[in-house]
């Protein structure tokens, strides 16, 4: 019953925000890209914004990056239908430019509501923007990826964006290692911190004690369809 409630809440939220016009990006979008996957997923993968193909199809992570994500999920015995994927921004920035801080601050509450409804065990942030937003930092992704952060009692694992590995093949090895960490986190029973010292390659940093919340990181200057298709995905 609880699983059905999450799905219905997510559907209700989609209909509430699908015509969003809170920022200027609605003027140039083809589709509002809500996100897709399982409303009962134990993990939400968070990217930054839809690209050209995502804007056309109204779904996140399609094209080459999507195929790579599917391959990486398969390597840890997961399918896309079992997880949920969302972006900070729900509309494509023109020319695939980086999200602007004002756009993030307007759109982030949509993402936070999705997190609240799905209530996953793990947030997997892909790339700089989603990582800075979720763990409330201005640090770059290089020093953060591969570590487990505790934010408001929830596990967060920053990883490189899969698209980066398409342009820099050397990052593929690191990306595959990080997906193995995802598998370990999802396989843990009870609280993440229980017995964590026995897992040699997982480093846990507790951000919750500092009062960190799901909001844009401290120095703001550092953060530089079809409804039937959408609703069939969660």
C-alpha atoms as a PDB file:
ATOM      1  CA  UNK A   1       0.000   0.000   0.000  1.00  0.00           C
ATOM      2  CA  UNK A   2       2.798   2.397   0.893  1.00  0.00           C
ATOM      3  CA  UNK A   3       4.411   1.761  -2.509  1.00  0.00           C
ATOM      4  CA  UNK A   4       1.190   2.738  -4.295  1.00  0.00           C
ATOM      5  CA  UNK A   5       0.917   5.861  -2.161  1.00  0.00           C
ATOM      6  CA  UNK A   6       4.377   7.030  -3.254  1.00  0.00           C
ATOM      7  CA  UNK A   7       3.528   6.488  -6.901  1.00  0.00           C
ATOM      8  CA  UNK A   8       0.262   8.383  -6.616  1.00  0.00           C
ATOM      9  CA  UNK A   9       1.938  11.241  -4.754  1.00  0.00           C
ATOM     10  CA  UNK A  10       4.592  11.463  -7.459  1.00  0.00           C
ATOM     11  CA  UNK A  11       1.946  11.500 -10.192  1.00  0.00           C
ATOM     12  CA  UNK A  12       0.040  14.218  -8.358  1.00  0.00           C
ATOM     13  CA  UNK A  13       3.214  16.275  -8.020  1.00  0.00           C
ATOM     14  CA  UNK A  14       4.005  15.859 -11.714  1.00  0.00           C
ATOM     15  CA  UNK A  15       0.616  17.255 -12.736  1.00  0.00           C
ATOM     16  CA  UNK A  16       1.080  20.119 -10.302  1.00  0.00           C
ATOM     17  CA  UNK A  17       4.396  21.311 -11.750  1.00  0.00           C
ATOM     18  CA  UNK A  18       4.461  20.098 -15.375  1.00  0.00           C
ATOM     19  CA  UNK A  19       3.474  23.525 -16.721  1.00  0.00           C
ATOM     20  CA  UNK A  20       5.959  25.381 -14.501  1.00  0.00           C
ATOM     21  CA  UNK A  21       6.801  28.909 -15.630  1.00  0.00           C
ATOM     22  CA  UNK A  22       8.761  30.075 -12.585  1.00  0.00           C
ATOM     23  CA  UNK A  23      11.893  30.889 -14.601  1.00  0.00           C
ATOM     24  CA  UNK A  24      12.632  31.944 -18.170  1.00  0.00           C
ATOM     25  CA  UNK A  25      13.641  28.437 -19.293  1.00  0.00           C
ATOM     26  CA  UNK A  26      10.013  27.480 -19.933  1.00  0.00           C
ATOM     27  CA  UNK A  27      10.019  29.776 -22.971  1.00  0.00           C
ATOM     28  CA  UNK A  28      12.576  27.713 -24.872  1.00  0.00           C
ATOM     29  CA  UNK A  29      11.830  24.182 -23.678  1.00  0.00           C
ATOM     30  CA  UNK A  30      10.229  21.500 -25.816  1.00  0.00           C
ATOM     31  CA  UNK A  31       9.326  19.325 -22.831  1.00  0.00           C
ATOM     32  CA  UNK A  32       9.329  19.647 -19.063  1.00  0.00           C
ATOM     33  CA  UNK A  33      11.585  16.780 -17.935  1.00  0.00           C
ATOM     34  CA  UNK A  34      10.165  15.680 -14.599  1.00  0.00           C
ATOM     35  CA  UNK A  35      12.300  12.568 -14.136  1.00  0.00           C
ATOM     36  CA  UNK A  36      11.659   8.887 -14.589  1.00  0.00           C
ATOM     37  CA  UNK A  37      11.895   5.545 -12.866  1.00  0.00           C
ATOM     38  CA  UNK A  38      10.541   3.782  -9.817  1.00  0.00           C
ATOM     39  CA  UNK A  39       8.715   5.766  -7.137  1.00  0.00           C
ATOM     40  CA  UNK A  40       9.933   3.187  -4.615  1.00  0.00           C
ATOM     41  CA  UNK A  41      13.572   3.310  -5.669  1.00  0.00           C
ATOM     42  CA  UNK A  42      16.237   2.971  -2.958  1.00  0.00           C
ATOM     43  CA  UNK A  43      18.401   5.449  -4.886  1.00  0.00           C
ATOM     44  CA  UNK A  44      17.876   8.672  -6.832  1.00  0.00           C
ATOM     45  CA  UNK A  45      20.486   9.579  -9.444  1.00  0.00           C
ATOM     46  CA  UNK A  46      20.672  13.367  -9.762  1.00  0.00           C
ATOM     47  CA  UNK A  47      22.072  15.190 -12.777  1.00  0.00           C
ATOM     48  CA  UNK A  48      22.156  18.881 -13.571  1.00  0.00           C
ATOM     49  CA  UNK A  49      19.756  19.599 -16.439  1.00  0.00           C
ATOM     50  CA  UNK A  50      18.175  18.072 -19.552  1.00  0.00           C
ATOM     51  CA  UNK A  51      20.194  18.120 -22.750  1.00  0.00           C
ATOM     52  CA  UNK A  52      18.964  18.324 -26.342  1.00  0.00           C
ATOM     53  CA  UNK A  53      17.735  14.713 -26.557  1.00  0.00           C
ATOM     54  CA  UNK A  54      16.136  14.853 -23.115  1.00  0.00           C
ATOM     55  CA  UNK A  55      14.295  18.026 -24.064  1.00  0.00           C
ATOM     56  CA  UNK A  56      12.978  16.384 -27.233  1.00  0.00           C
ATOM     57  CA  UNK A  57      11.875  13.138 -25.582  1.00  0.00           C
ATOM     58  CA  UNK A  58      10.828  14.526 -22.195  1.00  0.00           C
ATOM     59  CA  UNK A  59      12.915  11.911 -20.363  1.00  0.00           C
ATOM     60  CA  UNK A  60      16.232  12.173 -18.487  1.00  0.00           C
ATOM     61  CA  UNK A  61      19.432  10.494 -19.635  1.00  0.00           C
ATOM     62  CA  UNK A  62      18.732   9.374 -23.160  1.00  0.00           C
ATOM     63  CA  UNK A  63      21.261   9.155 -25.983  1.00  0.00           C
ATOM     64  CA  UNK A  64      24.882   8.117 -25.399  1.00  0.00           C
ATOM     65  CA  UNK A  65      24.986   9.138 -21.732  1.00  0.00           C
ATOM     66  CA  UNK A  66      21.796   7.186 -21.138  1.00  0.00           C
ATOM     67  CA  UNK A  67      23.183   4.066 -22.781  1.00  0.00           C
ATOM     68  CA  UNK A  68      26.309   4.321 -20.652  1.00  0.00           C
ATOM     69  CA  UNK A  69      24.209   4.739 -17.509  1.00  0.00           C
ATOM     70  CA  UNK A  70      22.226   1.630 -18.439  1.00  0.00           C
ATOM     71  CA  UNK A  71      25.483  -0.289 -18.876  1.00  0.00           C
ATOM     72  CA  UNK A  72      26.792   0.882 -15.503  1.00  0.00           C
ATOM     73  CA  UNK A  73      23.521  -0.048 -13.799  1.00  0.00           C
ATOM     74  CA  UNK A  74      23.687  -3.497 -15.400  1.00  0.00           C
ATOM     75  CA  UNK A  75      27.194  -3.932 -13.974  1.00  0.00           C
ATOM     76  CA  UNK A  76      25.742  -3.726 -10.455  1.00  0.00           C
ATOM     77  CA  UNK A  77      22.679  -5.823 -11.269  1.00  0.00           C
ATOM     78  CA  UNK A  78      20.211  -2.954 -11.537  1.00  0.00           C
ATOM     79  CA  UNK A  79      17.900  -1.836 -14.318  1.00  0.00           C
ATOM     80  CA  UNK A  80      16.613   1.632 -15.025  1.00  0.00           C
ATOM     81  CA  UNK A  81      13.092   0.540 -14.087  1.00  0.00           C
ATOM     82  CA  UNK A  82      14.324  -0.126 -10.544  1.00  0.00           C
ATOM     83  CA  UNK A  83      15.818   3.299  -9.855  1.00  0.00           C
ATOM     84  CA  UNK A  84      14.766   6.946 -10.219  1.00  0.00           C
ATOM     85  CA  UNK A  85      16.608   9.583 -12.249  1.00  0.00           C
ATOM     86  CA  UNK A  86      16.067  13.329 -11.986  1.00  0.00           C
ATOM     87  CA  UNK A  87      17.864  16.598 -12.686  1.00  0.00           C
ATOM     88  CA  UNK A  88      18.152  19.783 -10.670  1.00  0.00           C
ATOM     89  CA  UNK A  89      16.640  21.731 -13.562  1.00  0.00           C
ATOM     90  CA  UNK A  90      13.557  20.352 -15.280  1.00  0.00           C
ATOM     91  CA  UNK A  91      14.007  22.445 -18.447  1.00  0.00           C
ATOM     92  CA  UNK A  92      16.951  22.531 -20.841  1.00  0.00           C
ATOM     93  CA  UNK A  93      19.221  25.599 -20.661  1.00  0.00           C
ATOM     94  CA  UNK A  94      19.689  27.017 -24.174  1.00  0.00           C
ATOM     95  CA  UNK A  95      22.706  25.570 -25.947  1.00  0.00           C
ATOM     96  CA  UNK A  96      23.289  23.142 -23.066  1.00  0.00           C
ATOM     97  CA  UNK A  97      24.963  25.910 -21.056  1.00  0.00           C
ATOM     98  CA  UNK A  98      25.580  25.424 -17.329  1.00  0.00           C
ATOM     99  CA  UNK A  99      22.669  26.024 -14.945  1.00  0.00           C
ATOM    100  CA  UNK A 100      22.594  29.498 -13.410  1.00  0.00           C
ATOM    101  CA  UNK A 101      22.351  29.973  -9.660  1.00  0.00           C
ATOM    102  CA  UNK A 102      19.007  31.738  -9.934  1.00  0.00           C
ATOM    103  CA  UNK A 103      17.618  28.853 -11.985  1.00  0.00           C
ATOM    104  CA  UNK A 104      18.894  26.329  -9.453  1.00  0.00           C
ATOM    105  CA  UNK A 105      17.362  28.252  -6.569  1.00  0.00           C
ATOM    106  CA  UNK A 106      13.992  28.381  -8.325  1.00  0.00           C
ATOM    107  CA  UNK A 107      13.921  24.762  -9.499  1.00  0.00           C
ATOM    108  CA  UNK A 108      15.623  22.953  -6.611  1.00  0.00           C
ATOM    109  CA  UNK A 109      12.413  22.683  -4.590  1.00  0.00           C
ATOM    110  CA  UNK A 110      10.925  20.468  -7.304  1.00  0.00           C
ATOM    111  CA  UNK A 111      13.840  18.076  -6.802  1.00  0.00           C
ATOM    112  CA  UNK A 112      13.603  18.241  -3.018  1.00  0.00           C
ATOM    113  CA  UNK A 113       9.927  17.337  -3.171  1.00  0.00           C
ATOM    114  CA  UNK A 114      10.757  14.308  -5.324  1.00  0.00           C
ATOM    115  CA  UNK A 115      13.332  13.255  -2.731  1.00  0.00           C
ATOM    116  CA  UNK A 116      10.804  13.707   0.049  1.00  0.00           C
ATOM    117  CA  UNK A 117       8.183  11.572  -1.720  1.00  0.00           C
ATOM    118  CA  UNK A 118      10.502   8.744  -2.810  1.00  0.00           C
ATOM    119  CA  UNK A 119      12.538   8.835   0.420  1.00  0.00           C
ATOM    120  CA  UNK A 120      15.482   6.837  -0.953  1.00  0.00           C
ATOM    121  CA  UNK A 121      18.319   5.286   1.004  1.00  0.00           C
ATOM    122  CA  UNK A 122      20.919   6.928  -1.222  1.00  0.00           C
ATOM    123  CA  UNK A 123      21.299  10.055  -3.343  1.00  0.00           C
ATOM    124  CA  UNK A 124      23.851   9.628  -6.108  1.00  0.00           C
ATOM    125  CA  UNK A 125      24.868  13.073  -7.335  1.00  0.00           C
ATOM    126  CA  UNK A 126      26.349  13.126 -10.823  1.00  0.00           C
ATOM    127  CA  UNK A 127      28.767  15.957 -11.437  1.00  0.00           C
ATOM    128  CA  UNK A 128      29.553  19.298  -9.826  1.00  0.00           C
ATOM    129  CA  UNK A 129      26.210  21.062  -9.740  1.00  0.00           C
ATOM    130  CA  UNK A 130      24.082  18.393  -8.103  1.00  0.00           C
ATOM    131  CA  UNK A 131      26.883  17.535  -5.672  1.00  0.00           C
ATOM    132  CA  UNK A 132      27.359  21.149  -4.573  1.00  0.00           C
ATOM    133  CA  UNK A 133      23.644  21.581  -4.112  1.00  0.00           C
ATOM    134  CA  UNK A 134      22.950  18.420  -2.139  1.00  0.00           C
ATOM    135  CA  UNK A 135      25.918  18.433   0.229  1.00  0.00           C
ATOM    136  CA  UNK A 136      25.968  22.221   0.562  1.00  0.00           C
ATOM    137  CA  UNK A 137      29.506  22.948  -0.565  1.00  0.00           C
ATOM    138  CA  UNK A 138      31.479  25.027  -3.037  1.00  0.00           C
ATOM    139  CA  UNK A 139      34.156  22.335  -3.423  1.00  0.00           C
ATOM    140  CA  UNK A 140      34.765  20.741  -6.804  1.00  0.00           C
ATOM    141  CA  UNK A 141      33.707  17.229  -7.721  1.00  0.00           C
ATOM    142  CA  UNK A 142      37.275  15.886  -7.954  1.00  0.00           C
ATOM    143  CA  UNK A 143      37.868  15.906  -4.206  1.00  0.00           C
ATOM    144  CA  UNK A 144      34.359  14.727  -3.346  1.00  0.00           C
ATOM    145  CA  UNK A 145      33.611  11.868  -5.719  1.00  0.00           C
ATOM    146  CA  UNK A 146      33.683   8.376  -4.343  1.00  0.00           C
ATOM    147  CA  UNK A 147      33.116   9.417  -0.727  1.00  0.00           C
ATOM    148  CA  UNK A 148      29.940   8.800   1.244  1.00  0.00           C
ATOM    149  CA  UNK A 149      28.461  11.900   2.867  1.00  0.00           C
ATOM    150  CA  UNK A 150      25.722  11.844   5.488  1.00  0.00           C
ATOM    151  CA  UNK A 151      23.300  14.730   4.973  1.00  0.00           C
ATOM    152  CA  UNK A 152      20.286  14.878   7.260  1.00  0.00           C
ATOM    153  CA  UNK A 153      20.752  11.164   8.012  1.00  0.00           C
ATOM    154  CA  UNK A 154      20.715  10.270   4.323  1.00  0.00           C
ATOM    155  CA  UNK A 155      23.657   8.831   2.382  1.00  0.00           C
ATOM    156  CA  UNK A 156      24.995  10.874  -0.537  1.00  0.00           C
ATOM    157  CA  UNK A 157      27.574   9.539  -3.006  1.00  0.00           C
ATOM    158  CA  UNK A 158      29.006  12.032  -5.512  1.00  0.00           C
ATOM    159  CA  UNK A 159      30.286  10.550  -8.780  1.00  0.00           C
ATOM    160  CA  UNK A 160      31.512  11.935 -12.080  1.00  0.00           C
ATOM    161  CA  UNK A 161      28.778  12.603 -14.582  1.00  0.00           C
ATOM    162  CA  UNK A 162      28.582   9.665 -17.046  1.00  0.00           C
ATOM    163  CA  UNK A 163      28.794  12.112 -19.940  1.00  0.00           C
ATOM    164  CA  UNK A 164      32.278  13.098 -18.741  1.00  0.00           C
ATOM    165  CA  UNK A 165      33.493   9.545 -19.341  1.00  0.00           C
ATOM    166  CA  UNK A 166      32.313   9.769 -22.944  1.00  0.00           C
ATOM    167  CA  UNK A 167      34.751  12.618 -23.526  1.00  0.00           C
ATOM    168  CA  UNK A 168      37.487  11.389 -21.162  1.00  0.00           C
ATOM    169  CA  UNK A 169      37.665   7.584 -21.385  1.00  0.00           C
ATOM    170  CA  UNK A 170      40.205   7.418 -18.538  1.00  0.00           C
ATOM    171  CA  UNK A 171      37.386   8.357 -16.151  1.00  0.00           C
ATOM    172  CA  UNK A 172      35.507   5.187 -17.012  1.00  0.00           C
ATOM    173  CA  UNK A 173      37.557   3.084 -14.594  1.00  0.00           C
ATOM    174  CA  UNK A 174      36.799   5.473 -11.736  1.00  0.00           C
ATOM    175  CA  UNK A 175      33.126   5.580 -12.687  1.00  0.00           C
ATOM    176  CA  UNK A 176      32.878   1.793 -12.608  1.00  0.00           C
ATOM    177  CA  UNK A 177      34.527   1.767  -9.176  1.00  0.00           C
ATOM    178  CA  UNK A 178      31.989   4.273  -7.895  1.00  0.00           C
ATOM    179  CA  UNK A 179      29.109   2.161  -9.155  1.00  0.00           C
ATOM    180  CA  UNK A 180      30.488  -0.744  -7.143  1.00  0.00           C
ATOM    181  CA  UNK A 181      30.271   1.532  -4.106  1.00  0.00           C
ATOM    182  CA  UNK A 182      26.633   2.194  -4.961  1.00  0.00           C
ATOM    183  CA  UNK A 183      26.061  -1.540  -4.902  1.00  0.00           C
ATOM    184  CA  UNK A 184      27.691  -1.834  -1.475  1.00  0.00           C
ATOM    185  CA  UNK A 185      25.666   1.013   0.012  1.00  0.00           C
ATOM    186  CA  UNK A 186      22.384  -0.374  -1.287  1.00  0.00           C
ATOM    187  CA  UNK A 187      23.316  -3.804   0.036  1.00  0.00           C
ATOM    188  CA  UNK A 188      23.834  -2.585   3.575  1.00  0.00           C
ATOM    189  CA  UNK A 189      21.190  -3.423   6.145  1.00  0.00           C
ATOM    190  CA  UNK A 190      20.140  -1.023   8.869  1.00  0.00           C
ATOM    191  CA  UNK A 191      21.853   2.326   9.254  1.00  0.00           C
ATOM    192  CA  UNK A 192      24.679   3.103   6.892  1.00  0.00           C
ATOM    193  CA  UNK A 193      27.072   3.840   9.753  1.00  0.00           C
ATOM    194  CA  UNK A 194      26.553   0.420  11.369  1.00  0.00           C
ATOM    195  CA  UNK A 195      29.730  -1.557  10.678  1.00  0.00           C
ATOM    196  CA  UNK A 196      30.965   0.980   8.155  1.00  0.00           C
ATOM    197  CA  UNK A 197      34.534   0.599   9.449  1.00  0.00           C
ATOM    198  CA  UNK A 198      34.534  -2.937   8.074  1.00  0.00           C
ATOM    199  CA  UNK A 199      34.138  -1.725   4.511  1.00  0.00           C
ATOM    200  CA  UNK A 200      37.639  -0.692   3.551  1.00  0.00           C
ATOM    201  CA  UNK A 201      37.005   1.405   0.466  1.00  0.00           C
ATOM    202  CA  UNK A 202      34.070   3.476   1.753  1.00  0.00           C
ATOM    203  CA  UNK A 203      34.855   6.743   3.489  1.00  0.00           C
ATOM    204  CA  UNK A 204      32.001   8.361   5.401  1.00  0.00           C
ATOM    205  CA  UNK A 205      31.876  12.078   6.148  1.00  0.00           C
ATOM    206  CA  UNK A 206      29.099  13.249   8.450  1.00  0.00           C
ATOM    207  CA  UNK A 207      27.748  16.601   7.288  1.00  0.00           C
ATOM    208  CA  UNK A 208      24.521  16.358   9.289  1.00  0.00           C
ATOM    209  CA  UNK A 209      26.115  17.636  12.521  1.00  0.00           C
ATOM    210  CA  UNK A 210      26.962  20.945  10.852  1.00  0.00           C
ATOM    211  CA  UNK A 211      23.309  21.660  10.148  1.00  0.00           C
ATOM    212  CA  UNK A 212      23.620  21.146   6.415  1.00  0.00           C
ATOM    213  CA  UNK A 213      20.319  21.099   4.587  1.00  0.00           C
ATOM    214  CA  UNK A 214      19.265  20.357   1.044  1.00  0.00           C
ATOM    215  CA  UNK A 215      19.992  23.763  -0.393  1.00  0.00           C
ATOM    216  CA  UNK A 216      22.454  25.510  -2.688  1.00  0.00           C
ATOM    217  CA  UNK A 217      26.013  25.601  -1.376  1.00  0.00           C
ATOM    218  CA  UNK A 218      27.357  28.500   0.667  1.00  0.00           C
ATOM    219  CA  UNK A 219      29.066  30.720  -1.913  1.00  0.00           C
ATOM    220  CA  UNK A 220      26.414  31.153  -4.560  1.00  0.00           C
ATOM    221  CA  UNK A 221      28.950  32.324  -7.091  1.00  0.00           C
ATOM    222  CA  UNK A 222      30.490  28.854  -6.996  1.00  0.00           C
ATOM    223  CA  UNK A 223      27.456  27.243  -8.656  1.00  0.00           C
ATOM    224  CA  UNK A 224      27.987  28.554 -11.778  1.00  0.00           C
ATOM    225  CA  UNK A 225       5.950  15.432 -23.407  1.00  0.00           C
ATOM    226  CA  UNK A 226       3.782  13.625 -23.383  1.00  0.00           C
ATOM    227  CA  UNK A 227       2.064  13.038 -20.007  1.00  0.00           C
ATOM    228  CA  UNK A 228       1.296   9.387 -20.685  1.00  0.00           C
ATOM    229  CA  UNK A 229       4.957   8.693 -21.455  1.00  0.00           C
ATOM    230  CA  UNK A 230       6.001  10.485 -18.284  1.00  0.00           C
ATOM    231  CA  UNK A 231       3.483   8.818 -16.015  1.00  0.00           C
ATOM    232  CA  UNK A 232       4.275   5.371 -17.288  1.00  0.00           C
ATOM    233  CA  UNK A 233       7.730   5.662 -15.761  1.00  0.00           C
ATOM    234  CA  UNK A 234       7.026   5.824 -12.047  1.00  0.00           C
END
